[in-house]
Amino acid sequence: MVLVWIAAVVGRAAEPAPLTGEDVLLEVLPEKSLPDLQAALERAMGQSSRVIASLLDLDQARVGEKQARAPMLPYASLSGSLGVAQNKYDYDSYPIKDANGVTVVDANGNPKMEPARSSSALVQDLSYNAGLNQPIYYWGALKKGYQSAQLQKAIASRNVEEIRRTLAIEIRRAYFSLISTVNGLDSEKATLAKMEEERDYLKKQAEGGFVTQSIADSADVRIKDYKLQMERSRNGFDAQWLSFCELTGLDRKSQPLVFPKEIPAVSKDLNPVLPGLASHSGQYIPANLANADDSIRVERLNYEIASTRLRPRFGLGLNASRGYHTPDTVVVFGGPYVVTNFGVSTTVNWAIFDGFSTQAAKQSSLIRLRQQQRARDQAQNDYEETLKNNVTNLRMNWQTLQRSEEALTGARDSVAIIQKDFETGMVEKQKWDAAKTIADNSLMAANNARADYYLQIITYLSLRGKDPAVNLVVRTQSLDAPKK
């Protein structure tokens, strides 16, 4: 009995955990059956211009973090100088005096003057010094500046994730739109072929006198107008393709992909798992809300930093210098000498009054803080409402999708039946063409319903942070790292 109980326990442990509603949604993602879409997503996550721009912003935030930490560290410096100077002295003439200090005069009674003269000396100086300065107490302003830079880096990192998240949705939407456009171009080609066939028929009727020539000529006018419409449609496709290349990082000169005629149908019955999505209790904070929280923290730090601007700041300085000097022998007697100096100093910088600039900075920071708090609350409400609406749309659009699938199946069955009757001559070609047109229109409607439903699934997973496309590329090297 013990062995049986152990076997039962082990068997239950080996059973896979039941799939959640989100797991089922992940299994039906469209890129699983559309390899070109999967390749586009993989390329876009690393090569899209939007992603590259956000990664450069992240690099800038990393540099900003280093710069914010620098003032907290000691500042060391070395300096030296070598100088040579030529000192020249010019002496003016002055009266000559005897030993008693009486001015000596000549025979004419004029004072005798000492002749003017000049002298010079060459002076050399060689000195070098080293200094170290360390901030001691700045009321936490330096540390808070570093913390602010760290938060900015975290925000920039989440911005990369948010860019990839929204880009992945947009790429899928653009891919589905291209499929619809290509099918529209094919439909226009088929319509043009029918119009040309009808024109040829009318010309034969005109030659036989059954219709007037003007009726036959009007068919040519309609064909010319329709060809112009087809050209506009083609230009629209080209513009869509260039936009898709920009989104995914493809070369704009690359040839368009071969798009499938049909978007794959949803492979699972999702209706049973939809109610569980609305009551999902998993905790997830989207990037924009996390960034809003960090922005509030940054602004609080900015306020605290501004509050220290009128407080004294203390520092410590160490200095050592050594100098070799040759004296000016004209005024000083003696030989060359060396001076060595060691010093320690404390510094105090205290801004007493700054024209109320600090007060204005604090008030401005408080206003920005209130704005960010309100924006954060609004973003939270928008997120919850968007998620709720998305789950509701999933439930309603599922029924729309099922009706589209039923209509497509019925139209294709009708085509198959009418084709057999046409091949046996039981029905005319016009009836078969009409059935094919209905089937083509049903396929277009089904494609639109499938695309819309897939986008609803992707949006839900994206809002929950579960879109696998976001993590297809993990960047480990800085974009501006030197290439060796």
Protein backbone atom coordinates (compact mmCIF):
# COMPACT_ATOMS: atom_id res chain seq x y z
CA MET A 1 0.00 0.00 0.00
CA VAL A 2 2.88 2.34 0.81
CA LEU A 3 4.42 1.68 -2.59
CA VAL A 4 1.11 2.33 -4.30
CA TRP A 5 0.70 5.64 -2.40
CA ILE A 6 4.26 6.72 -3.32
CA ALA A 7 3.64 5.85 -6.98
CA ALA A 8 0.45 7.90 -6.98
CA VAL A 9 2.18 10.91 -5.44
CA VAL A 10 5.06 10.71 -7.92
CA GLY A 11 2.60 10.36 -10.78
CA ARG A 12 0.72 13.48 -9.76
CA ALA A 13 3.99 15.38 -9.39
CA ALA A 14 5.03 14.36 -12.89
CA GLU A 15 1.81 15.62 -14.45
CA PRO A 16 2.27 18.97 -16.24
CA ALA A 17 0.67 21.99 -14.64
CA PRO A 18 -2.65 22.96 -16.21
CA LEU A 19 -2.42 25.68 -18.83
CA THR A 20 -3.70 29.11 -17.90
CA GLY A 21 -5.69 31.32 -20.24
CA GLU A 22 -2.55 33.31 -21.08
CA ASP A 23 -0.68 30.10 -21.92
CA VAL A 24 -3.42 29.18 -24.40
CA LEU A 25 -3.23 32.63 -26.00
CA LEU A 26 0.54 32.25 -26.37
CA GLU A 27 0.03 29.01 -28.29
CA VAL A 28 -2.09 30.64 -31.01
CA LEU A 29 0.07 33.66 -31.84
CA PRO A 30 0.02 34.28 -35.62
CA GLU A 31 3.82 34.29 -36.06
CA LYS A 32 3.90 30.62 -35.11
CA SER A 33 2.41 29.83 -38.53
CA LEU A 34 3.77 32.85 -40.42
CA PRO A 35 7.58 32.53 -40.61
CA ASP A 36 8.04 35.83 -42.46
CA LEU A 37 6.23 37.65 -39.65
CA GLN A 38 8.39 35.91 -37.05
CA ALA A 39 11.55 36.91 -38.94
CA ALA A 40 10.33 40.51 -39.19
CA LEU A 41 9.73 40.65 -35.43
CA GLU A 42 13.17 39.23 -34.65
CA ARG A 43 14.88 41.71 -36.94
CA ALA A 44 12.86 44.69 -35.71
CA MET A 45 13.64 44.12 -32.02
CA GLY A 46 17.30 44.84 -32.74
CA GLN A 47 17.43 46.80 -35.99
CA SER A 48 14.39 49.06 -36.09
CA SER A 49 15.27 52.75 -36.07
CA ARG A 50 12.95 53.26 -33.09
CA VAL A 51 14.70 50.58 -31.06
CA ILE A 52 18.15 51.92 -31.98
CA ALA A 53 17.11 55.43 -30.91
CA SER A 54 15.86 54.13 -27.55
CA LEU A 55 19.07 52.14 -27.04
CA LEU A 56 21.11 55.27 -27.67
CA ASP A 57 19.01 57.04 -25.03
CA LEU A 58 19.84 54.17 -22.66
CA ASP A 59 23.54 54.58 -23.43
CA GLN A 60 23.23 58.28 -22.65
CA ALA A 61 21.53 57.47 -19.34
CA ARG A 62 24.39 55.10 -18.45
CA VAL A 63 26.87 57.87 -19.12
CA GLY A 64 24.77 60.23 -17.01
CA GLU A 65 24.95 57.76 -14.13
CA LYS A 66 28.75 57.78 -14.30
CA GLN A 67 28.81 61.57 -14.42
CA ALA A 68 26.49 61.81 -11.40
CA ARG A 69 28.74 59.54 -9.36
CA ALA A 70 31.92 61.44 -10.20
CA PRO A 71 31.42 64.36 -7.72
CA MET A 72 31.25 61.85 -4.84
CA LEU A 73 34.75 60.54 -5.57
CA PRO A 74 38.10 62.23 -4.78
CA TYR A 75 39.43 64.66 -7.36
CA ALA A 76 43.18 64.28 -7.90
CA SER A 77 45.36 66.54 -9.99
CA LEU A 78 48.99 66.96 -10.97
CA SER A 79 50.63 70.08 -12.34
CA GLY A 80 54.10 71.33 -13.08
CA SER A 81 55.88 74.31 -14.55
CA LEU A 82 59.30 75.21 -15.87
CA GLY A 83 60.15 78.83 -16.34
CA VAL A 84 63.13 81.00 -17.32
CA ALA A 85 63.04 84.76 -16.83
CA GLN A 86 65.47 87.57 -17.64
CA ASN A 87 65.18 90.33 -15.03
CA LYS A 88 66.58 93.72 -16.07
CA TYR A 89 67.10 96.66 -13.67
CA ASP A 90 67.55 100.29 -14.85
CA TYR A 91 68.88 102.80 -12.28
CA ASP A 92 68.37 106.56 -12.71
CA SER A 93 71.17 109.04 -11.88
CA TYR A 94 71.12 110.50 -8.37
CA PRO A 95 73.15 113.19 -6.47
CA ILE A 96 76.49 112.14 -4.96
CA LYS A 97 76.78 112.70 -1.22
CA ASP A 98 79.85 112.76 0.99
CA ALA A 99 80.42 110.82 4.19
CA ASN A 100 78.35 113.32 6.14
CA GLY A 101 75.40 113.00 3.77
CA VAL A 102 75.96 116.40 2.19
CA THR A 103 75.42 116.70 -1.56
CA VAL A 104 78.66 117.26 -3.44
CA VAL A 105 78.64 120.21 -5.86
CA ASP A 106 80.91 121.20 -8.72
CA ALA A 107 82.71 124.52 -9.31
CA ASN A 108 79.51 126.05 -10.59
CA GLY A 109 77.56 125.01 -7.54
CA ASN A 110 75.57 122.31 -9.32
CA PRO A 111 75.18 118.93 -7.58
CA LYS A 112 77.34 116.17 -8.93
CA MET A 113 75.23 113.26 -10.30
CA GLU A 114 75.95 109.51 -10.28
CA PRO A 115 75.76 108.27 -13.90
CA ALA A 116 72.70 106.12 -14.89
CA ARG A 117 73.32 102.39 -15.21
CA SER A 118 71.51 99.07 -15.70
CA SER A 119 72.01 95.39 -14.77
CA SER A 120 70.30 92.05 -15.49
CA ALA A 121 70.04 88.52 -14.08
CA LEU A 122 68.76 85.17 -15.42
CA VAL A 123 66.27 83.40 -13.10
CA GLN A 124 65.09 79.77 -13.45
CA ASP A 125 62.15 78.03 -11.70
CA LEU A 126 61.06 74.37 -11.84
CA SER A 127 58.07 73.28 -9.75
CA TYR A 128 55.48 70.53 -9.61
CA ASN A 129 52.64 69.76 -7.25
CA ALA A 130 49.94 67.18 -6.52
CA GLY A 131 46.52 67.82 -5.04
CA LEU A 132 43.59 65.77 -3.75
CA ASN A 133 40.14 67.17 -2.99
CA GLN A 134 37.33 65.20 -1.41
CA PRO A 135 33.79 66.46 -0.71
CA ILE A 136 32.97 65.71 2.93
CA TYR A 137 29.43 66.84 3.65
CA TYR A 138 26.98 68.25 1.12
CA TRP A 139 23.78 67.46 3.04
CA GLY A 140 23.23 64.36 0.87
CA ALA A 141 22.93 66.38 -2.36
CA LEU A 142 25.64 64.39 -4.18
CA LYS A 143 24.22 61.02 -3.16
CA LYS A 144 20.71 62.06 -4.15
CA GLY A 145 22.01 63.27 -7.51
CA TYR A 146 23.51 59.82 -8.08
CA GLN A 147 20.26 58.12 -7.06
CA SER A 148 18.39 60.34 -9.51
CA ALA A 149 20.74 59.30 -12.32
CA GLN A 150 20.19 55.62 -11.44
CA LEU A 151 16.43 56.13 -11.69
CA GLN A 152 16.87 57.86 -15.05
CA LYS A 153 18.82 54.85 -16.29
CA ALA A 154 16.04 52.52 -15.12
CA ILE A 155 13.49 54.68 -16.94
CA ALA A 156 15.56 54.60 -20.15
CA SER A 157 15.84 50.82 -19.90
CA ARG A 158 12.07 50.45 -19.56
CA ASN A 159 11.60 52.82 -22.50
CA VAL A 160 13.47 50.30 -24.66
CA GLU A 161 11.05 47.62 -23.49
CA GLU A 162 8.06 49.87 -24.12
CA ILE A 163 9.27 50.76 -27.63
CA ARG A 164 9.67 47.07 -28.44
CA ARG A 165 6.26 46.27 -26.97
CA THR A 166 4.35 48.83 -29.03
CA LEU A 167 6.51 48.13 -32.09
CA ALA A 168 5.69 44.41 -31.99
CA ILE A 169 1.96 45.19 -32.07
CA GLU A 170 2.38 47.70 -34.89
CA ILE A 171 4.45 45.27 -37.01
CA ARG A 172 1.79 42.58 -36.77
CA ARG A 173 -0.92 45.09 -37.66
CA ALA A 174 1.12 46.32 -40.65
CA TYR A 175 1.73 42.74 -41.80
CA PHE A 176 -1.99 41.92 -41.72
CA SER A 177 -2.74 45.16 -43.55
CA LEU A 178 -0.27 44.22 -46.29
CA ILE A 179 -1.99 40.84 -46.69
CA SER A 180 -5.32 42.62 -47.10
CA THR A 181 -3.83 45.07 -49.62
CA VAL A 182 -2.21 42.30 -51.68
CA ASN A 183 -5.50 40.38 -51.79
CA GLY A 184 -7.22 43.58 -52.87
CA LEU A 185 -4.71 43.97 -55.72
CA ASP A 186 -5.38 40.38 -56.81
CA SER A 187 -9.10 41.01 -56.69
CA GLU A 188 -8.69 44.13 -58.83
CA LYS A 189 -6.70 42.12 -61.39
CA ALA A 190 -9.52 39.56 -61.58
CA THR A 191 -12.08 42.33 -61.92
CA LEU A 192 -10.05 43.92 -64.72
CA ALA A 193 -9.91 40.61 -66.56
CA LYS A 194 -13.72 40.34 -66.35
CA MET A 195 -14.12 43.93 -67.59
CA GLU A 196 -11.84 43.23 -70.56
CA GLU A 197 -13.77 40.07 -71.30
CA GLU A 198 -17.02 42.02 -71.19
CA ARG A 199 -15.52 44.72 -73.47
CA ASP A 200 -14.51 42.13 -76.06
CA TYR A 201 -18.00 40.69 -75.94
CA LEU A 202 -19.58 44.14 -76.44
CA LYS A 203 -17.31 44.85 -79.40
CA LYS A 204 -18.41 41.66 -81.06
CA GLN A 205 -22.02 42.61 -80.36
CA ALA A 206 -21.40 46.05 -81.88
CA GLU A 207 -19.86 44.49 -84.99
CA GLY A 208 -22.99 42.34 -85.34
CA GLY A 209 -25.23 45.36 -84.93
CA PHE A 210 -26.80 44.11 -81.71
CA VAL A 211 -25.57 47.12 -79.67
CA THR A 212 -24.40 50.58 -80.60
CA GLN A 213 -20.73 51.44 -80.95
CA SER A 214 -20.97 53.99 -78.14
CA ILE A 215 -21.89 51.21 -75.69
CA ALA A 216 -18.80 49.24 -76.73
CA ASP A 217 -16.62 52.36 -76.48
CA SER A 218 -17.92 53.11 -72.97
CA ALA A 219 -16.40 49.82 -71.82
CA ASP A 220 -12.94 51.14 -72.81
CA VAL A 221 -13.54 54.28 -70.75
CA ARG A 222 -14.48 52.21 -67.71
CA ILE A 223 -11.37 50.08 -68.14
CA LYS A 224 -9.12 53.15 -68.31
CA ASP A 225 -10.68 54.55 -65.13
CA TYR A 226 -10.31 51.21 -63.39
CA LYS A 227 -6.67 50.93 -64.38
CA LEU A 228 -6.07 54.34 -62.82
CA GLN A 229 -7.71 53.06 -59.64
CA MET A 230 -5.45 50.00 -59.74
CA GLU A 231 -2.41 52.24 -60.08
CA ARG A 232 -3.48 54.18 -56.98
CA SER A 233 -3.90 50.90 -55.12
CA ARG A 234 -0.43 49.81 -56.18
CA ASN A 235 1.08 53.08 -55.01
CA GLY A 236 -0.70 52.59 -51.71
CA PHE A 237 0.87 49.15 -51.37
CA ASP A 238 4.32 50.55 -52.13
CA ALA A 239 3.88 53.15 -49.40
CA GLN A 240 2.76 50.45 -46.96
CA TRP A 241 5.78 48.33 -47.85
CA LEU A 242 8.22 51.19 -47.26
CA SER A 243 6.59 51.84 -43.90
CA PHE A 244 6.92 48.14 -43.03
CA CYS A 245 10.62 48.25 -43.96
CA GLU A 246 11.09 51.24 -41.66
CA LEU A 247 9.33 49.45 -38.81
CA THR A 248 11.31 46.23 -39.14
CA GLY A 249 14.74 47.54 -40.13
CA LEU A 250 14.57 46.12 -43.66
CA ASP A 251 16.40 47.77 -46.51
CA ARG A 252 13.91 50.06 -48.25
CA LYS A 253 15.16 48.76 -51.61
CA SER A 254 14.45 45.12 -50.76
CA GLN A 255 11.80 43.28 -52.74
CA PRO A 256 8.39 42.87 -51.06
CA LEU A 257 7.69 39.58 -49.33
CA VAL A 258 5.40 36.96 -50.80
CA PHE A 259 2.38 37.47 -48.58
CA PRO A 260 -0.05 34.59 -48.01
CA LYS A 261 -3.52 34.89 -49.41
CA GLU A 262 -5.07 33.72 -46.19
CA ILE A 263 -4.30 34.59 -42.56
CA PRO A 264 -4.18 31.30 -40.62
CA ALA A 265 -7.32 30.57 -38.64
CA VAL A 266 -7.21 30.52 -34.84
CA SER A 267 -6.28 26.93 -34.06
CA LYS A 268 -7.93 26.59 -30.63
CA ASP A 269 -11.31 27.23 -29.10
CA LEU A 270 -10.54 30.21 -26.89
CA ASN A 271 -14.03 30.88 -25.60
CA PRO A 272 -13.59 28.72 -22.44
CA VAL A 273 -10.45 30.57 -21.30
CA LEU A 274 -11.73 34.10 -21.82
CA PRO A 275 -13.68 34.47 -18.54
CA GLY A 276 -10.52 33.66 -16.57
CA LEU A 277 -8.63 36.53 -18.19
CA ALA A 278 -10.91 39.15 -16.71
CA SER A 279 -10.32 37.83 -13.19
CA HIS A 280 -6.57 37.45 -13.59
CA SER A 281 -4.93 38.19 -10.26
CA GLY A 282 -1.30 38.22 -11.35
CA GLN A 283 0.70 41.26 -10.34
CA TYR A 284 2.30 43.16 -13.18
CA ILE A 285 3.32 46.80 -13.41
CA PRO A 286 3.65 47.98 -17.04
CA ALA A 287 6.69 49.98 -18.06
CA ASN A 288 4.86 53.31 -18.31
CA LEU A 289 3.52 53.02 -14.74
CA ALA A 290 6.91 51.94 -13.38
CA ASN A 291 8.49 54.90 -15.18
CA ALA A 292 5.87 57.21 -13.70
CA ASP A 293 6.74 55.94 -10.22
CA ASP A 294 10.45 56.51 -10.83
CA SER A 295 9.80 59.96 -12.28
CA ILE A 296 8.00 60.88 -9.06
CA ARG A 297 11.00 59.64 -7.06
CA VAL A 298 13.36 61.67 -9.26
CA GLU A 299 11.33 64.82 -8.68
CA ARG A 300 11.32 64.28 -4.93
CA LEU A 301 15.10 63.95 -5.04
CA ASN A 302 15.31 67.14 -7.10
CA TYR A 303 13.30 68.94 -4.42
CA GLU A 304 15.56 67.65 -1.67
CA ILE A 305 18.66 68.63 -3.64
CA ALA A 306 17.29 72.14 -4.23
CA SER A 307 16.65 72.45 -0.48
CA THR A 308 20.41 72.15 0.22
CA ARG A 309 21.53 74.96 -2.08
CA LEU A 310 21.72 77.58 0.70
CA ARG A 311 23.47 75.33 3.20
CA PRO A 312 27.23 75.30 3.83
CA ARG A 313 29.21 72.60 2.04
CA PHE A 314 32.39 71.13 3.47
CA GLY A 315 35.37 69.58 1.77
CA LEU A 316 38.92 68.40 2.46
CA GLY A 317 42.03 69.19 0.44
CA LEU A 318 45.52 67.68 0.45
CA ASN A 319 48.39 69.32 -1.40
CA ALA A 320 52.08 68.59 -1.96
CA SER A 321 54.51 70.65 -4.03
CA ARG A 322 58.22 70.86 -4.72
CA GLY A 323 60.10 73.63 -6.50
CA TYR A 324 63.66 74.36 -7.66
CA HIS A 325 64.59 78.04 -7.91
CA THR A 326 67.68 80.07 -8.83
CA PRO A 327 67.81 83.44 -7.04
CA ASP A 328 68.17 86.80 -8.69
CA THR A 329 71.78 87.55 -7.82
CA VAL A 330 71.26 91.27 -8.33
CA VAL A 331 68.99 91.57 -5.30
CA VAL A 332 69.63 88.30 -3.41
CA PHE A 333 72.90 86.65 -2.61
CA GLY A 334 73.22 82.89 -2.44
CA GLY A 335 72.82 79.82 -4.65
CA PRO A 336 69.86 77.80 -6.00
CA TYR A 337 67.44 76.35 -3.48
CA VAL A 338 64.57 73.76 -3.30
CA VAL A 339 61.26 74.34 -1.53
CA THR A 340 59.07 71.36 -0.54
CA ASN A 341 55.56 71.96 0.77
CA PHE A 342 52.88 69.72 2.26
CA GLY A 343 49.45 71.08 3.17
CA VAL A 344 46.05 70.04 4.48
CA SER A 345 43.04 72.31 4.20
CA THR A 346 39.34 72.22 4.85
CA THR A 347 36.98 74.17 2.62
CA VAL A 348 33.59 75.67 3.34
CA ASN A 349 31.34 77.07 0.61
CA TRP A 350 28.20 78.77 1.80
CA ALA A 351 25.80 80.61 -0.48
CA ILE A 352 24.04 83.06 1.80
CA PHE A 353 21.59 84.65 -0.63
CA ASP A 354 20.84 83.78 -4.24
CA GLY A 355 18.03 86.17 -5.05
CA PHE A 356 15.29 83.66 -4.09
CA SER A 357 16.49 81.28 -6.84
CA THR A 358 16.43 78.32 -4.43
CA GLN A 359 12.90 79.13 -3.35
CA ALA A 360 11.75 79.25 -6.98
CA ALA A 361 13.51 75.95 -7.76
CA LYS A 362 11.74 74.23 -4.86
CA GLN A 363 8.35 75.59 -5.88
CA SER A 364 8.90 74.52 -9.50
CA SER A 365 9.88 71.05 -8.34
CA LEU A 366 6.74 70.73 -6.21
CA ILE A 367 4.56 71.74 -9.16
CA ARG A 368 6.20 69.12 -11.40
CA LEU A 369 5.77 66.55 -8.63
CA ARG A 370 2.02 67.19 -8.42
CA GLN A 371 1.74 67.01 -12.23
CA GLN A 372 3.53 63.67 -12.33
CA GLN A 373 1.40 62.25 -9.52
CA ARG A 374 -1.78 63.19 -11.36
CA ALA A 375 -0.41 61.76 -14.61
CA ARG A 376 0.50 58.53 -12.83
CA ASP A 377 -3.02 58.16 -11.38
CA GLN A 378 -4.53 58.78 -14.82
CA ALA A 379 -2.17 56.25 -16.43
CA GLN A 380 -3.20 53.66 -13.85
CA ASN A 381 -6.88 54.22 -14.58
CA ASP A 382 -6.26 54.10 -18.34
CA TYR A 383 -4.33 50.84 -18.02
CA GLU A 384 -7.05 49.13 -16.00
CA GLU A 385 -9.77 50.37 -18.34
CA THR A 386 -7.82 49.34 -21.46
CA LEU A 387 -7.23 45.85 -20.07
CA LYS A 388 -10.89 45.47 -19.13
CA ASN A 389 -12.08 46.63 -22.57
CA ASN A 390 -9.60 44.34 -24.28
CA VAL A 391 -10.94 41.26 -22.47
CA THR A 392 -14.49 42.33 -23.33
CA ASN A 393 -13.55 42.74 -26.99
CA LEU A 394 -11.92 39.31 -26.99
CA ARG A 395 -15.18 37.76 -25.86
CA MET A 396 -17.39 39.67 -28.34
CA ASN A 397 -15.03 39.41 -31.30
CA TRP A 398 -14.74 35.67 -30.81
CA GLN A 399 -18.39 35.29 -31.78
CA THR A 400 -17.90 37.60 -34.78
CA LEU A 401 -14.93 35.51 -35.83
CA GLN A 402 -16.96 32.29 -35.62
CA ARG A 403 -19.68 33.73 -37.85
CA SER A 404 -17.04 34.81 -40.39
CA GLU A 405 -15.51 31.33 -40.37
CA GLU A 406 -18.94 29.74 -40.89
CA ALA A 407 -19.67 32.11 -43.80
CA LEU A 408 -16.30 31.30 -45.40
CA THR A 409 -16.87 27.57 -45.05
CA GLY A 410 -20.34 27.85 -46.58
CA ALA A 411 -19.07 30.00 -49.49
CA ARG A 412 -16.28 27.54 -50.28
CA ASP A 413 -18.68 24.60 -50.16
CA SER A 414 -20.94 26.45 -52.61
CA VAL A 415 -18.01 27.07 -54.95
CA ALA A 416 -17.10 23.38 -54.88
CA ILE A 417 -20.68 22.34 -55.70
CA ILE A 418 -21.19 24.95 -58.43
CA GLN A 419 -17.79 24.08 -59.96
CA LYS A 420 -18.89 20.48 -60.44
CA ASP A 421 -22.16 21.66 -62.01
CA PHE A 422 -20.23 24.06 -64.25
CA GLU A 423 -17.86 21.33 -65.38
CA THR A 424 -20.85 19.15 -66.30
CA GLY A 425 -22.55 22.05 -68.08
CA MET A 426 -25.44 22.31 -65.64
CA VAL A 427 -24.78 25.98 -64.74
CA GLU A 428 -23.40 28.94 -66.63
CA LYS A 429 -19.96 30.43 -66.07
CA GLN A 430 -21.46 33.63 -64.70
CA LYS A 431 -22.98 31.72 -61.79
CA TRP A 432 -19.68 30.05 -61.04
CA ASP A 433 -17.87 33.43 -61.21
CA ALA A 434 -20.46 34.91 -58.86
CA ALA A 435 -19.93 32.07 -56.38
CA LYS A 436 -16.16 32.58 -56.51
CA THR A 437 -16.64 36.32 -55.91
CA ILE A 438 -18.75 35.57 -52.84
CA ALA A 439 -16.07 33.16 -51.60
CA ASP A 440 -13.34 35.76 -52.16
CA ASN A 441 -15.35 38.37 -50.28
CA SER A 442 -15.97 35.88 -47.48
CA LEU A 443 -12.23 35.21 -47.28
CA MET A 444 -11.51 38.93 -47.05
CA ALA A 445 -14.07 39.25 -44.25
CA ALA A 446 -12.59 36.23 -42.46
CA ASN A 447 -9.06 37.61 -42.86
CA ASN A 448 -10.17 40.90 -41.33
CA ALA A 449 -11.90 39.11 -38.45
CA ARG A 450 -8.86 36.89 -37.83
CA ALA A 451 -6.46 39.84 -37.95
CA ASP A 452 -8.63 41.82 -35.54
CA TYR A 453 -8.86 38.90 -33.13
CA TYR A 454 -5.15 38.16 -33.28
CA LEU A 455 -4.43 41.82 -32.52
CA GLN A 456 -6.79 41.66 -29.54
CA ILE A 457 -4.89 38.61 -28.24
CA ILE A 458 -1.54 40.30 -28.79
CA THR A 459 -2.70 43.49 -27.12
CA TYR A 460 -3.83 41.57 -24.04
CA LEU A 461 -0.54 39.67 -23.75
CA SER A 462 1.38 42.88 -24.34
CA LEU A 463 -0.53 44.70 -21.60
CA ARG A 464 0.26 41.83 -19.24
CA GLY A 465 3.95 41.87 -20.17
CA LYS A 466 3.73 38.44 -21.85
CA ASP A 467 4.42 39.25 -25.51
CA PRO A 468 7.34 36.95 -26.42
CA ALA A 469 8.42 39.21 -29.30
CA VAL A 470 9.68 41.85 -26.85
CA ASN A 471 12.42 39.53 -25.59
CA LEU A 472 13.55 38.14 -28.95
CA VAL A 473 16.76 40.20 -28.83
CA VAL A 474 18.87 40.90 -25.74
CA ARG A 475 21.45 43.61 -26.34
CA THR A 476 24.68 43.26 -24.36
CA GLN A 477 27.07 45.72 -25.99
CA SER A 478 26.94 49.48 -26.18
CA LEU A 479 26.18 50.83 -29.65
CA ASP A 480 29.06 53.26 -29.48
CA ALA A 481 31.60 50.74 -28.21
CA PRO A 482 34.79 50.95 -30.29
CA LYS A 483 35.17 48.24 -32.91
CA LYS A 484 38.44 46.31 -32.68
